[in-house]
């Protein structure tokens, strides 16, 4: 089984075209935090042979969540691996991957894309 840093590196660099110079050094299988340009954070970790990833998207005005609810529901309806939690000042979208460990990097890249799109929706 690949280490977490290898999976994340391949997902970001090879699949999404992120420059390797933008990545910090990651050791072993420690959980990884990826900070997006807008301040959102994506967390990635391995637990019991499953990859867990989630994004925390802060918001200032709770009405924004109501206005964008249709986009979030559409994303949840199109991806059965996604779960969402709305808190007082942030939205958390969570995914657990690992039933099929083949193509894990591609699946993680797809989740990163979805997270990025949802974070963008919350801002516009």
PDB file of N, CA and C in Angstrom:
ATOM      1  N   UNK A   1       0.839  -1.182   0.000  1.00  0.00           N
ATOM      2  CA  UNK A   1       0.000   0.000   0.000  1.00  0.00           C
ATOM      3  C   UNK A   1       0.885   1.248   0.000  1.00  0.00           C
ATOM      4  N   UNK A   2       0.510   2.230  -0.798  1.00  0.00           N
ATOM      5  CA  UNK A   2       1.274   3.471  -0.877  1.00  0.00           C
ATOM      6  C   UNK A   2       1.111   4.281   0.396  1.00  0.00           C
ATOM      7  N   UNK A   3       2.114   5.109   0.649  1.00  0.00           N
ATOM      8  CA  UNK A   3       2.015   6.012   1.786  1.00  0.00           C
ATOM      9  C   UNK A   3       1.138   7.196   1.406  1.00  0.00           C
ATOM     10  N   UNK A   4       0.599   7.848   2.408  1.00  0.00           N
ATOM     11  CA  UNK A   4      -0.303   8.975   2.203  1.00  0.00           C
ATOM     12  C   UNK A   4       0.345  10.066   1.365  1.00  0.00           C
ATOM     13  N   UNK A   5       1.593  10.384   1.655  1.00  0.00           N
ATOM     14  CA  UNK A   5       2.259  11.466   0.927  1.00  0.00           C
ATOM     15  C   UNK A   5       2.387  11.148  -0.558  1.00  0.00           C
ATOM     16  N   UNK A   6       2.585   9.863  -0.901  1.00  0.00           N
ATOM     17  CA  UNK A   6       2.673   9.466  -2.310  1.00  0.00           C
ATOM     18  C   UNK A   6       1.328   9.636  -3.018  1.00  0.00           C
ATOM     19  N   UNK A   7       0.261   9.257  -2.342  1.00  0.00           N
ATOM     20  CA  UNK A   7      -1.079   9.378  -2.914  1.00  0.00           C
ATOM     21  C   UNK A   7      -1.430  10.844  -3.132  1.00  0.00           C
ATOM     22  N   UNK A   8      -1.176  11.682  -2.125  1.00  0.00           N
ATOM     23  CA  UNK A   8      -1.499  13.108  -2.231  1.00  0.00           C
ATOM     24  C   UNK A   8      -0.624  13.780  -3.287  1.00  0.00           C
ATOM     25  N   UNK A   9       0.666  13.448  -3.316  1.00  0.00           N
ATOM     26  CA  UNK A   9       1.565  14.034  -4.312  1.00  0.00           C
ATOM     27  C   UNK A   9       1.090  13.713  -5.729  1.00  0.00           C
ATOM     28  N   UNK A  10       0.785  12.445  -5.974  1.00  0.00           N
ATOM     29  CA  UNK A  10       0.335  12.056  -7.312  1.00  0.00           C
ATOM     30  C   UNK A  10      -0.991  12.726  -7.662  1.00  0.00           C
ATOM     31  N   UNK A  11      -1.891  12.828  -6.688  1.00  0.00           N
ATOM     32  CA  UNK A  11      -3.183  13.476  -6.932  1.00  0.00           C
ATOM     33  C   UNK A  11      -3.017  14.939  -7.302  1.00  0.00           C
ATOM     34  N   UNK A  12      -2.149  15.631  -6.573  1.00  0.00           N
ATOM     35  CA  UNK A  12      -1.975  17.070  -6.802  1.00  0.00           C
ATOM     36  C   UNK A  12      -1.082  17.372  -7.998  1.00  0.00           C
ATOM     37  N   UNK A  13       0.079  16.740  -8.067  1.00  0.00           N
ATOM     38  CA  UNK A  13       1.077  17.092  -9.080  1.00  0.00           C
ATOM     39  C   UNK A  13       0.771  16.439 -10.428  1.00  0.00           C
ATOM     40  N   UNK A  14       0.610  15.133 -10.424  1.00  0.00           N
ATOM     41  CA  UNK A  14       0.421  14.428 -11.700  1.00  0.00           C
ATOM     42  C   UNK A  14      -0.981  14.610 -12.274  1.00  0.00           C
ATOM     43  N   UNK A  15      -1.997  14.540 -11.422  1.00  0.00           N
ATOM     44  CA  UNK A  15      -3.372  14.600 -11.925  1.00  0.00           C
ATOM     45  C   UNK A  15      -3.919  16.015 -12.056  1.00  0.00           C
ATOM     46  N   UNK A  16      -3.553  16.911 -11.127  1.00  0.00           N
ATOM     47  CA  UNK A  16      -4.126  18.260 -11.137  1.00  0.00           C
ATOM     48  C   UNK A  16      -3.161  19.336 -11.603  1.00  0.00           C
ATOM     49  N   UNK A  17      -1.895  18.978 -11.812  1.00  0.00           N
ATOM     50  CA  UNK A  17      -0.935  19.933 -12.351  1.00  0.00           C
ATOM     51  C   UNK A  17      -0.424  20.978 -11.378  1.00  0.00           C
ATOM     52  N   UNK A  18      -0.493  20.704 -10.081  1.00  0.00           N
ATOM     53  CA  UNK A  18       0.048  21.625  -9.076  1.00  0.00           C
ATOM     54  C   UNK A  18       1.575  21.548  -9.126  1.00  0.00           C
ATOM     55  N   UNK A  19       2.223  22.688  -9.076  1.00  0.00           N
ATOM     56  CA  UNK A  19       3.688  22.720  -9.103  1.00  0.00           C
ATOM     57  C   UNK A  19       4.243  22.089  -7.825  1.00  0.00           C
ATOM     58  N   UNK A  20       5.193  21.159  -7.943  1.00  0.00           N
ATOM     59  CA  UNK A  20       5.756  20.512  -6.755  1.00  0.00           C
ATOM     60  C   UNK A  20       6.395  21.503  -5.780  1.00  0.00           C
ATOM     61  N   UNK A  21       6.855  22.647  -6.278  1.00  0.00           N
ATOM     62  CA  UNK A  21       7.485  23.639  -5.398  1.00  0.00           C
ATOM     63  C   UNK A  21       6.488  24.270  -4.434  1.00  0.00           C
ATOM     64  N   UNK A  22       5.194  24.131  -4.698  1.00  0.00           N
ATOM     65  CA  UNK A  22       4.175  24.682  -3.805  1.00  0.00           C
ATOM     66  C   UNK A  22       3.884  23.773  -2.615  1.00  0.00           C
ATOM     67  N   UNK A  23       4.433  22.568  -2.640  1.00  0.00           N
ATOM     68  CA  UNK A  23       4.146  21.597  -1.586  1.00  0.00           C
ATOM     69  C   UNK A  23       5.228  21.614  -0.516  1.00  0.00           C
ATOM     70  N   UNK A  24       4.806  21.501   0.721  1.00  0.00           N
ATOM     71  CA  UNK A  24       5.745  21.392   1.837  1.00  0.00           C
ATOM     72  C   UNK A  24       6.183  19.940   1.972  1.00  0.00           C
ATOM     73  N   UNK A  25       7.251  19.738   2.688  1.00  0.00           N
ATOM     74  CA  UNK A  25       7.767  18.384   2.931  1.00  0.00           C
ATOM     75  C   UNK A  25       6.827  17.658   3.885  1.00  0.00           C
ATOM     76  N   UNK A  26       6.435  16.453   3.519  1.00  0.00           N
ATOM     77  CA  UNK A  26       5.562  15.629   4.345  1.00  0.00           C
ATOM     78  C   UNK A  26       6.304  14.350   4.671  1.00  0.00           C
ATOM     79  N   UNK A  27       6.301  13.975   5.926  1.00  0.00           N
ATOM     80  CA  UNK A  27       6.991  12.768   6.375  1.00  0.00           C
ATOM     81  C   UNK A  27       5.982  11.670   6.687  1.00  0.00           C
ATOM     82  N   UNK A  28       6.269  10.468   6.225  1.00  0.00           N
ATOM     83  CA  UNK A  28       5.493   9.292   6.592  1.00  0.00           C
ATOM     84  C   UNK A  28       4.021   9.380   6.248  1.00  0.00           C
ATOM     85  N   UNK A  29       3.207   8.821   7.124  1.00  0.00           N
ATOM     86  CA  UNK A  29       1.764   8.786   6.927  1.00  0.00           C
ATOM     87  C   UNK A  29       1.031   9.752   7.844  1.00  0.00           C
ATOM     88  N   UNK A  30       1.686  10.823   8.231  1.00  0.00           N
ATOM     89  CA  UNK A  30       1.041  11.821   9.083  1.00  0.00           C
ATOM     90  C   UNK A  30      -0.077  12.520   8.309  1.00  0.00           C
ATOM     91  N   UNK A  31      -1.156  12.943   8.993  1.00  0.00           N
ATOM     92  CA  UNK A  31      -2.225  13.682   8.308  1.00  0.00           C
ATOM     93  C   UNK A  31      -1.672  14.925   7.610  1.00  0.00           C
ATOM     94  N   UNK A  32      -2.296  15.284   6.505  1.00  0.00           N
ATOM     95  CA  UNK A  32      -1.841  16.399   5.675  1.00  0.00           C
ATOM     96  C   UNK A  32      -2.928  17.462   5.628  1.00  0.00           C
ATOM     97  N   UNK A  33      -2.516  18.728   5.692  1.00  0.00           N
ATOM     98  CA  UNK A  33      -3.430  19.859   5.548  1.00  0.00           C
ATOM     99  C   UNK A  33      -3.007  20.640   4.313  1.00  0.00           C
ATOM    100  N   UNK A  34      -3.969  20.917   3.445  1.00  0.00           N
ATOM    101  CA  UNK A  34      -3.722  21.698   2.235  1.00  0.00           C
ATOM    102  C   UNK A  34      -4.516  22.986   2.365  1.00  0.00           C
ATOM    103  N   UNK A  35      -3.825  24.114   2.323  1.00  0.00           N
ATOM    104  CA  UNK A  35      -4.511  25.399   2.429  1.00  0.00           C
ATOM    105  C   UNK A  35      -4.745  25.961   1.034  1.00  0.00           C
ATOM    106  N   UNK A  36      -5.999  26.284   0.737  1.00  0.00           N
ATOM    107  CA  UNK A  36      -6.346  26.875  -0.548  1.00  0.00           C
ATOM    108  C   UNK A  36      -6.128  28.380  -0.500  1.00  0.00           C
ATOM    109  N   UNK A  37      -6.097  29.007  -1.660  1.00  0.00           N
ATOM    110  CA  UNK A  37      -5.832  30.447  -1.752  1.00  0.00           C
ATOM    111  C   UNK A  37      -6.853  31.270  -0.977  1.00  0.00           C
ATOM    112  N   UNK A  38      -8.089  30.800  -0.890  1.00  0.00           N
ATOM    113  CA  UNK A  38      -9.138  31.543  -0.198  1.00  0.00           C
ATOM    114  C   UNK A  38      -9.162  31.333   1.303  1.00  0.00           C
ATOM    115  N   UNK A  39      -8.225  30.552   1.841  1.00  0.00           N
ATOM    116  CA  UNK A  39      -8.173  30.315   3.277  1.00  0.00           C
ATOM    117  C   UNK A  39      -8.830  29.017   3.718  1.00  0.00           C
ATOM    118  N   UNK A  40      -9.505  28.320   2.815  1.00  0.00           N
ATOM    119  CA  UNK A  40     -10.111  27.046   3.165  1.00  0.00           C
ATOM    120  C   UNK A  40      -9.012  26.008   3.367  1.00  0.00           C
ATOM    121  N   UNK A  41      -9.318  24.986   4.161  1.00  0.00           N
ATOM    122  CA  UNK A  41      -8.330  23.946   4.422  1.00  0.00           C
ATOM    123  C   UNK A  41      -8.905  22.581   4.093  1.00  0.00           C
ATOM    124  N   UNK A  42      -8.111  21.791   3.368  1.00  0.00           N
ATOM    125  CA  UNK A  42      -8.464  20.409   3.053  1.00  0.00           C
ATOM    126  C   UNK A  42      -7.568  19.514   3.903  1.00  0.00           C
ATOM    127  N   UNK A  43      -8.172  18.571   4.608  1.00  0.00           N
ATOM    128  CA  UNK A  43      -7.448  17.631   5.457  1.00  0.00           C
ATOM    129  C   UNK A  43      -7.502  16.250   4.811  1.00  0.00           C
ATOM    130  N   UNK A  44      -6.373  15.539   4.853  1.00  0.00           N
ATOM    131  CA  UNK A  44      -6.287  14.199   4.274  1.00  0.00           C
ATOM    132  C   UNK A  44      -5.555  13.301   5.265  1.00  0.00           C
ATOM    133  N   UNK A  45      -6.108  12.102   5.515  1.00  0.00           N
ATOM    134  CA  UNK A  45      -5.436  11.164   6.417  1.00  0.00           C
ATOM    135  C   UNK A  45      -5.864   9.738   6.087  1.00  0.00           C
ATOM    136  N   UNK A  46      -5.038   8.782   6.521  1.00  0.00           N
ATOM    137  CA  UNK A  46      -5.357   7.361   6.418  1.00  0.00           C
ATOM    138  C   UNK A  46      -5.789   6.877   7.793  1.00  0.00           C
ATOM    139  N   UNK A  47      -6.890   6.124   7.852  1.00  0.00           N
ATOM    140  CA  UNK A  47      -7.341   5.464   9.074  1.00  0.00           C
ATOM    141  C   UNK A  47      -7.905   4.108   8.684  1.00  0.00           C
ATOM    142  N   UNK A  48      -7.361   3.062   9.266  1.00  0.00           N
ATOM    143  CA  UNK A  48      -7.853   1.701   9.044  1.00  0.00           C
ATOM    144  C   UNK A  48      -8.009   1.378   7.557  1.00  0.00           C
ATOM    145  N   UNK A  49      -6.954   1.621   6.795  1.00  0.00           N
ATOM    146  CA  UNK A  49      -6.886   1.313   5.364  1.00  0.00           C
ATOM    147  C   UNK A  49      -7.903   2.081   4.527  1.00  0.00           C
ATOM    148  N   UNK A  50      -8.397   3.183   5.047  1.00  0.00           N
ATOM    149  CA  UNK A  50      -9.296   4.052   4.287  1.00  0.00           C
ATOM    150  C   UNK A  50      -8.735   5.459   4.309  1.00  0.00           C
ATOM    151  N   UNK A  51      -8.908   6.144   3.208  1.00  0.00           N
ATOM    152  CA  UNK A  51      -8.446   7.518   3.106  1.00  0.00           C
ATOM    153  C   UNK A  51      -9.621   8.439   3.435  1.00  0.00           C
ATOM    154  N   UNK A  52      -9.398   9.337   4.380  1.00  0.00           N
ATOM    155  CA  UNK A  52     -10.416  10.301   4.791  1.00  0.00           C
ATOM    156  C   UNK A  52      -9.967  11.682   4.349  1.00  0.00           C
ATOM    157  N   UNK A  53     -10.868  12.430   3.754  1.00  0.00           N
ATOM    158  CA  UNK A  53     -10.549  13.792   3.366  1.00  0.00           C
ATOM    159  C   UNK A  53     -11.766  14.673   3.598  1.00  0.00           C
ATOM    160  N   UNK A  54     -11.515  15.890   4.037  1.00  0.00           N
ATOM    161  CA  UNK A  54     -12.615  16.838   4.211  1.00  0.00           C
ATOM    162  C   UNK A  54     -12.094  18.253   4.049  1.00  0.00           C
ATOM    163  N   UNK A  55     -13.017  19.157   3.768  1.00  0.00           N
ATOM    164  CA  UNK A  55     -12.691  20.568   3.621  1.00  0.00           C
ATOM    165  C   UNK A  55     -13.540  21.362   4.601  1.00  0.00           C
ATOM    166  N   UNK A  56     -12.906  22.337   5.230  1.00  0.00           N
ATOM    167  CA  UNK A  56     -13.612  23.286   6.083  1.00  0.00           C
ATOM    168  C   UNK A  56     -13.686  24.608   5.340  1.00  0.00           C
ATOM    169  N   UNK A  57     -14.913  25.082   5.102  1.00  0.00           N
ATOM    170  CA  UNK A  57     -15.123  26.323   4.365  1.00  0.00           C
ATOM    171  C   UNK A  57     -15.820  27.329   5.276  1.00  0.00           C
ATOM    172  N   UNK A  58     -15.075  28.294   5.795  1.00  0.00           N
ATOM    173  CA  UNK A  58     -15.703  29.289   6.667  1.00  0.00           C
ATOM    174  C   UNK A  58     -16.588  30.246   5.864  1.00  0.00           C
ATOM    175  N   UNK A  59     -17.609  30.781   6.528  1.00  0.00           N
ATOM    176  CA  UNK A  59     -18.439  31.812   5.915  1.00  0.00           C
ATOM    177  C   UNK A  59     -18.786  32.851   6.975  1.00  0.00           C
ATOM    178  N   UNK A  60     -19.015  34.067   6.517  1.00  0.00           N
ATOM    179  CA  UNK A  60     -19.333  35.163   7.442  1.00  0.00           C
ATOM    180  C   UNK A  60     -20.829  35.326   7.637  1.00  0.00           C
ATOM    181  N   UNK A  61     -21.584  35.156   6.565  1.00  0.00           N
ATOM    182  CA  UNK A  61     -23.023  35.394   6.584  1.00  0.00           C
ATOM    183  C   UNK A  61     -23.761  34.074   6.360  1.00  0.00           C
ATOM    184  N   UNK A  62     -24.533  33.598   7.338  1.00  0.00           N
ATOM    185  CA  UNK A  62     -25.232  32.315   7.196  1.00  0.00           C
ATOM    186  C   UNK A  62     -26.216  32.281   6.025  1.00  0.00           C
ATOM    187  N   UNK A  63     -26.662  33.432   5.565  1.00  0.00           N
ATOM    188  CA  UNK A  63     -27.594  33.460   4.433  1.00  0.00           C
ATOM    189  C   UNK A  63     -26.947  32.926   3.162  1.00  0.00           C
ATOM    190  N   UNK A  64     -25.621  33.030   3.082  1.00  0.00           N
ATOM    191  CA  UNK A  64     -24.901  32.534   1.905  1.00  0.00           C
ATOM    192  C   UNK A  64     -25.147  31.036   1.733  1.00  0.00           C
ATOM    193  N   UNK A  65     -25.166  30.306   2.833  1.00  0.00           N
ATOM    194  CA  UNK A  65     -25.387  28.860   2.766  1.00  0.00           C
ATOM    195  C   UNK A  65     -26.772  28.570   2.196  1.00  0.00           C
ATOM    196  N   UNK A  66     -27.764  29.326   2.622  1.00  0.00           N
ATOM    197  CA  UNK A  66     -29.121  29.144   2.090  1.00  0.00           C
ATOM    198  C   UNK A  66     -29.175  29.436   0.598  1.00  0.00           C
ATOM    199  N   UNK A  67     -28.509  30.494   0.175  1.00  0.00           N
ATOM    200  CA  UNK A  67     -28.511  30.867  -1.241  1.00  0.00           C
ATOM    201  C   UNK A  67     -27.816  29.821  -2.104  1.00  0.00           C
ATOM    202  N   UNK A  68     -26.801  29.180  -1.576  1.00  0.00           N
ATOM    203  CA  UNK A  68     -25.998  28.220  -2.341  1.00  0.00           C
ATOM    204  C   UNK A  68     -26.392  26.771  -2.075  1.00  0.00           C
ATOM    205  N   UNK A  69     -27.453  26.548  -1.323  1.00  0.00           N
ATOM    206  CA  UNK A  69     -27.848  25.192  -0.936  1.00  0.00           C
ATOM    207  C   UNK A  69     -28.062  24.276  -2.137  1.00  0.00           C
ATOM    208  N   UNK A  70     -28.643  24.792  -3.203  1.00  0.00           N
ATOM    209  CA  UNK A  70     -28.914  23.953  -4.380  1.00  0.00           C
ATOM    210  C   UNK A  70     -27.625  23.389  -4.976  1.00  0.00           C
ATOM    211  N   UNK A  71     -26.571  24.194  -5.027  1.00  0.00           N
ATOM    212  CA  UNK A  71     -25.285  23.727  -5.571  1.00  0.00           C
ATOM    213  C   UNK A  71     -24.684  22.635  -4.690  1.00  0.00           C
ATOM    214  N   UNK A  72     -24.799  22.806  -3.370  1.00  0.00           N
ATOM    215  CA  UNK A  72     -24.261  21.808  -2.453  1.00  0.00           C
ATOM    216  C   UNK A  72     -25.065  20.505  -2.533  1.00  0.00           C
ATOM    217  N   UNK A  73     -26.386  20.615  -2.601  1.00  0.00           N
ATOM    218  CA  UNK A  73     -27.225  19.422  -2.711  1.00  0.00           C
ATOM    219  C   UNK A  73     -26.948  18.696  -4.022  1.00  0.00           C
ATOM    220  N   UNK A  74     -26.735  19.451  -5.096  1.00  0.00           N
ATOM    221  CA  UNK A  74     -26.401  18.845  -6.387  1.00  0.00           C
ATOM    222  C   UNK A  74     -25.096  18.051  -6.289  1.00  0.00           C
ATOM    223  N   UNK A  75     -24.088  18.621  -5.637  1.00  0.00           N
ATOM    224  CA  UNK A  75     -22.809  17.921  -5.465  1.00  0.00           C
ATOM    225  C   UNK A  75     -22.986  16.657  -4.633  1.00  0.00           C
ATOM    226  N   UNK A  76     -23.779  16.732  -3.571  1.00  0.00           N
ATOM    227  CA  UNK A  76     -24.020  15.563  -2.726  1.00  0.00           C
ATOM    228  C   UNK A  76     -24.805  14.488  -3.475  1.00  0.00           C
ATOM    229  N   UNK A  77     -25.768  14.901  -4.290  1.00  0.00           N
ATOM    230  CA  UNK A  77     -26.579  13.944  -5.045  1.00  0.00           C
ATOM    231  C   UNK A  77     -25.755  13.243  -6.126  1.00  0.00           C
ATOM    232  N   UNK A  78     -24.758  13.929  -6.664  1.00  0.00           N
ATOM    233  CA  UNK A  78     -23.935  13.359  -7.735  1.00  0.00           C
ATOM    234  C   UNK A  78     -22.772  12.516  -7.228  1.00  0.00           C
ATOM    235  N   UNK A  79     -22.512  12.531  -5.934  1.00  0.00           N
ATOM    236  CA  UNK A  79     -21.372  11.794  -5.384  1.00  0.00           C
ATOM    237  C   UNK A  79     -21.774  11.169  -4.054  1.00  0.00           C
ATOM    238  N   UNK A  80     -22.018   9.882  -4.069  1.00  0.00           N
ATOM    239  CA  UNK A  80     -22.496   9.198  -2.868  1.00  0.00           C
ATOM    240  C   UNK A  80     -21.436   9.072  -1.772  1.00  0.00           C
ATOM    241  N   UNK A  81     -20.192   9.420  -2.068  1.00  0.00           N
ATOM    242  CA  UNK A  81     -19.134   9.349  -1.056  1.00  0.00           C
ATOM    243  C   UNK A  81     -19.026  10.626  -0.230  1.00  0.00           C
ATOM    244  N   UNK A  82     -19.775  11.670  -0.601  1.00  0.00           N
ATOM    245  CA  UNK A  82     -19.693  12.954   0.099  1.00  0.00           C
ATOM    246  C   UNK A  82     -20.743  13.059   1.197  1.00  0.00           C
ATOM    247  N   UNK A  83     -20.331  13.675   2.303  1.00  0.00           N
ATOM    248  CA  UNK A  83     -21.222  14.002   3.409  1.00  0.00           C
ATOM    249  C   UNK A  83     -20.992  15.464   3.764  1.00  0.00           C
ATOM    250  N   UNK A  84     -22.022  16.131   4.264  1.00  0.00           N
ATOM    251  CA  UNK A  84     -21.877  17.548   4.580  1.00  0.00           C
ATOM    252  C   UNK A  84     -22.409  17.839   5.977  1.00  0.00           C
ATOM    253  N   UNK A  85     -21.747  18.777   6.646  1.00  0.00           N
ATOM    254  CA  UNK A  85     -22.155  19.251   7.962  1.00  0.00           C
ATOM    255  C   UNK A  85     -22.061  20.769   7.947  1.00  0.00           C
ATOM    256  N   UNK A  86     -23.135  21.437   8.334  1.00  0.00           N
ATOM    257  CA  UNK A  86     -23.127  22.892   8.417  1.00  0.00           C
ATOM    258  C   UNK A  86     -23.075  23.274   9.889  1.00  0.00           C
ATOM    259  N   UNK A  87     -22.076  24.064  10.248  1.00  0.00           N
ATOM    260  CA  UNK A  87     -21.933  24.553  11.613  1.00  0.00           C
ATOM    261  C   UNK A  87     -22.188  26.052  11.637  1.00  0.00           C
ATOM    262  N   UNK A  88     -22.031  26.651  12.783  1.00  0.00           N
ATOM    263  CA  UNK A  88     -22.352  28.070  12.961  1.00  0.00           C
ATOM    264  C   UNK A  88     -21.597  28.977  11.999  1.00  0.00           C
ATOM    265  N   UNK A  89     -20.332  28.694  11.766  1.00  0.00           N
ATOM    266  CA  UNK A  89     -19.513  29.591  10.955  1.00  0.00           C
ATOM    267  C   UNK A  89     -18.744  28.897   9.831  1.00  0.00           C
ATOM    268  N   UNK A  90     -19.079  27.618   9.543  1.00  0.00           N
ATOM    269  CA  UNK A  90     -18.378  26.919   8.465  1.00  0.00           C
ATOM    270  C   UNK A  90     -19.195  25.739   7.957  1.00  0.00           C
ATOM    271  N   UNK A  91     -18.874  25.361   6.730  1.00  0.00           N
ATOM    272  CA  UNK A  91     -19.442  24.167   6.108  1.00  0.00           C
ATOM    273  C   UNK A  91     -18.310  23.157   5.998  1.00  0.00           C
ATOM    274  N   UNK A  92     -18.591  21.916   6.372  1.00  0.00           N
ATOM    275  CA  UNK A  92     -17.607  20.842   6.262  1.00  0.00           C
ATOM    276  C   UNK A  92     -18.161  19.801   5.299  1.00  0.00           C
ATOM    277  N   UNK A  93     -17.372  19.479   4.275  1.00  0.00           N
ATOM    278  CA  UNK A  93     -17.734  18.419   3.334  1.00  0.00           C
ATOM    279  C   UNK A  93     -16.682  17.325   3.488  1.00  0.00           C
ATOM    280  N   UNK A  94     -17.140  16.093   3.678  1.00  0.00           N
ATOM    281  CA  UNK A  94     -16.293  14.961   4.045  1.00  0.00           C
ATOM    282  C   UNK A  94     -16.462  13.829   3.029  1.00  0.00           C
ATOM    283  N   UNK A  95     -15.377  13.119   2.764  1.00  0.00           N
ATOM    284  CA  UNK A  95     -15.428  11.925   1.909  1.00  0.00           C
ATOM    285  C   UNK A  95     -14.508  10.858   2.484  1.00  0.00           C
ATOM    286  N   UNK A  96     -14.944   9.617   2.377  1.00  0.00           N
ATOM    287  CA  UNK A  96     -14.136   8.475   2.801  1.00  0.00           C
ATOM    288  C   UNK A  96     -13.924   7.587   1.583  1.00  0.00           C
ATOM    289  N   UNK A  97     -12.663   7.336   1.252  1.00  0.00           N
ATOM    290  CA  UNK A  97     -12.310   6.513   0.094  1.00  0.00           C
ATOM    291  C   UNK A  97     -11.553   5.293   0.578  1.00  0.00           C
ATOM    292  N   UNK A  98     -11.695   4.183  -0.122  1.00  0.00           N
ATOM    293  CA  UNK A  98     -10.871   3.060   0.274  1.00  0.00           C
ATOM    294  C   UNK A  98     -11.438   1.701  -0.022  1.00  0.00           C
ATOM    295  N   UNK A  99     -12.694   1.607  -0.413  1.00  0.00           N
ATOM    296  CA  UNK A  99     -13.236   0.297  -0.762  1.00  0.00           C
ATOM    297  C   UNK A  99     -12.457  -0.295  -1.931  1.00  0.00           C
ATOM    298  N   UNK A 100     -12.152   0.543  -2.904  1.00  0.00           N
ATOM    299  CA  UNK A 100     -11.379   0.135  -4.071  1.00  0.00           C
ATOM    300  C   UNK A 100     -10.099   0.958  -4.079  1.00  0.00           C
ATOM    301  N   UNK A 101      -8.993   0.357  -3.686  1.00  0.00           N
ATOM    302  CA  UNK A 101      -7.739   1.099  -3.564  1.00  0.00           C
ATOM    303  C   UNK A 101      -7.083   1.365  -4.919  1.00  0.00           C
ATOM    304  N   UNK A 102      -7.564   0.729  -5.984  1.00  0.00           N
ATOM    305  CA  UNK A 102      -7.036   1.055  -7.307  1.00  0.00           C
ATOM    306  C   UNK A 102      -7.601   2.400  -7.728  1.00  0.00           C
ATOM    307  N   UNK A 103      -6.810   3.149  -8.390  1.00  0.00           N
ATOM    308  CA  UNK A 103      -7.203   4.483  -8.859  1.00  0.00           C
ATOM    309  C   UNK A 103      -7.500   5.438  -7.702  1.00  0.00           C
ATOM    310  N   UNK A 104      -6.898   5.200  -6.551  1.00  0.00           N
ATOM    311  CA  UNK A 104      -7.135   6.050  -5.388  1.00  0.00           C
ATOM    312  C   UNK A 104      -6.699   7.486  -5.655  1.00  0.00           C
ATOM    313  N   UNK A 105      -5.586   7.651  -6.354  1.00  0.00           N
ATOM    314  CA  UNK A 105      -5.093   9.000  -6.651  1.00  0.00           C
ATOM    315  C   UNK A 105      -6.087   9.766  -7.518  1.00  0.00           C
ATOM    316  N   UNK A 106      -6.667   9.089  -8.499  1.00  0.00           N
ATOM    317  CA  UNK A 106      -7.651   9.734  -9.381  1.00  0.00           C
ATOM    318  C   UNK A 106      -8.901  10.116  -8.588  1.00  0.00           C
ATOM    319  N   UNK A 107      -9.355   9.219  -7.704  1.00  0.00           N
ATOM    320  CA  UNK A 107     -10.532   9.511  -6.886  1.00  0.00           C
ATOM    321  C   UNK A 107     -10.271  10.692  -5.958  1.00  0.00           C
ATOM    322  N   UNK A 108      -9.074  10.736  -5.373  1.00  0.00           N
ATOM    323  CA  UNK A 108      -8.731  11.849  -4.491  1.00  0.00           C
ATOM    324  C   UNK A 108      -8.671  13.151  -5.282  1.00  0.00           C
ATOM    325  N   UNK A 109      -8.125  13.106  -6.481  1.00  0.00           N
ATOM    326  CA  UNK A 109      -8.090  14.295  -7.341  1.00  0.00           C
ATOM    327  C   UNK A 109      -9.503  14.789  -7.636  1.00  0.00           C
ATOM    328  N   UNK A 110     -10.407  13.862  -7.899  1.00  0.00           N
ATOM    329  CA  UNK A 110     -11.800  14.237  -8.151  1.00  0.00           C
ATOM    330  C   UNK A 110     -12.424  14.906  -6.925  1.00  0.00           C
ATOM    331  N   UNK A 111     -12.113  14.383  -5.735  1.00  0.00           N
ATOM    332  CA  UNK A 111     -12.642  15.002  -4.506  1.00  0.00           C
ATOM    333  C   UNK A 111     -12.056  16.396  -4.312  1.00  0.00           C
ATOM    334  N   UNK A 112     -10.753  16.543  -4.585  1.00  0.00           N
ATOM    335  CA  UNK A 112     -10.137  17.870  -4.484  1.00  0.00           C
ATOM    336  C   UNK A 112     -10.823  18.852  -5.429  1.00  0.00           C
ATOM    337  N   UNK A 113     -11.128  18.413  -6.647  1.00  0.00           N
ATOM    338  CA  UNK A 113     -11.831  19.273  -7.601  1.00  0.00           C
ATOM    339  C   UNK A 113     -13.209  19.663  -7.078  1.00  0.00           C
ATOM    340  N   UNK A 114     -13.937  18.695  -6.549  1.00  0.00           N
ATOM    341  CA  UNK A 114     -15.266  18.972  -5.996  1.00  0.00           C
ATOM    342  C   UNK A 114     -15.171  19.944  -4.831  1.00  0.00           C
ATOM    343  N   UNK A 115     -14.221  19.714  -3.925  1.00  0.00           N
ATOM    344  CA  UNK A 115     -14.040  20.617  -2.790  1.00  0.00           C
ATOM    345  C   UNK A 115     -13.746  22.034  -3.265  1.00  0.00           C
ATOM    346  N   UNK A 116     -12.877  22.149  -4.256  1.00  0.00           N
ATOM    347  CA  UNK A 116     -12.506  23.464  -4.776  1.00  0.00           C
ATOM    348  C   UNK A 116     -13.715  24.173  -5.392  1.00  0.00           C
ATOM    349  N   UNK A 117     -14.524  23.441  -6.146  1.00  0.00           N
ATOM    350  CA  UNK A 117     -15.726  24.023  -6.754  1.00  0.00           C
ATOM    351  C   UNK A 117     -16.712  24.484  -5.686  1.00  0.00           C
ATOM    352  N   UNK A 118     -16.900  23.683  -4.641  1.00  0.00           N
ATOM    353  CA  UNK A 118     -17.818  24.067  -3.571  1.00  0.00           C
ATOM    354  C   UNK A 118     -17.305  25.283  -2.807  1.00  0.00           C
ATOM    355  N   UNK A 119     -16.006  25.328  -2.557  1.00  0.00           N
ATOM    356  CA  UNK A 119     -15.422  26.493  -1.876  1.00  0.00           C
ATOM    357  C   UNK A 119     -15.623  27.743  -2.720  1.00  0.00           C
ATOM    358  N   UNK A 120     -15.467  27.613  -4.027  1.00  0.00           N
ATOM    359  CA  UNK A 120     -15.677  28.748  -4.932  1.00  0.00           C
ATOM    360  C   UNK A 120     -17.146  29.182  -4.912  1.00  0.00           C
ATOM    361  N   UNK A 121     -18.063  28.225  -4.893  1.00  0.00           N
ATOM    362  CA  UNK A 121     -19.493  28.546  -4.852  1.00  0.00           C
ATOM    363  C   UNK A 121     -19.861  29.331  -3.599  1.00  0.00           C
ATOM    364  N   UNK A 122     -19.239  28.984  -2.494  1.00  0.00           N
ATOM    365  CA  UNK A 122     -19.553  29.655  -1.231  1.00  0.00           C
ATOM    366  C   UNK A 122     -19.083  31.103  -1.237  1.00  0.00           C
ATOM    367  N   UNK A 123     -18.111  31.413  -2.083  1.00  0.00           N
ATOM    368  CA  UNK A 123     -17.555  32.770  -2.133  1.00  0.00           C
ATOM    369  C   UNK A 123     -18.283  33.689  -3.106  1.00  0.00           C
ATOM    370  N   UNK A 124     -18.925  33.123  -4.155  1.00  0.00           N
ATOM    371  CA  UNK A 124     -19.569  34.006  -5.140  1.00  0.00           C
ATOM    372  C   UNK A 124     -21.022  34.260  -4.806  1.00  0.00           C
TER     373      UNK A 124
END
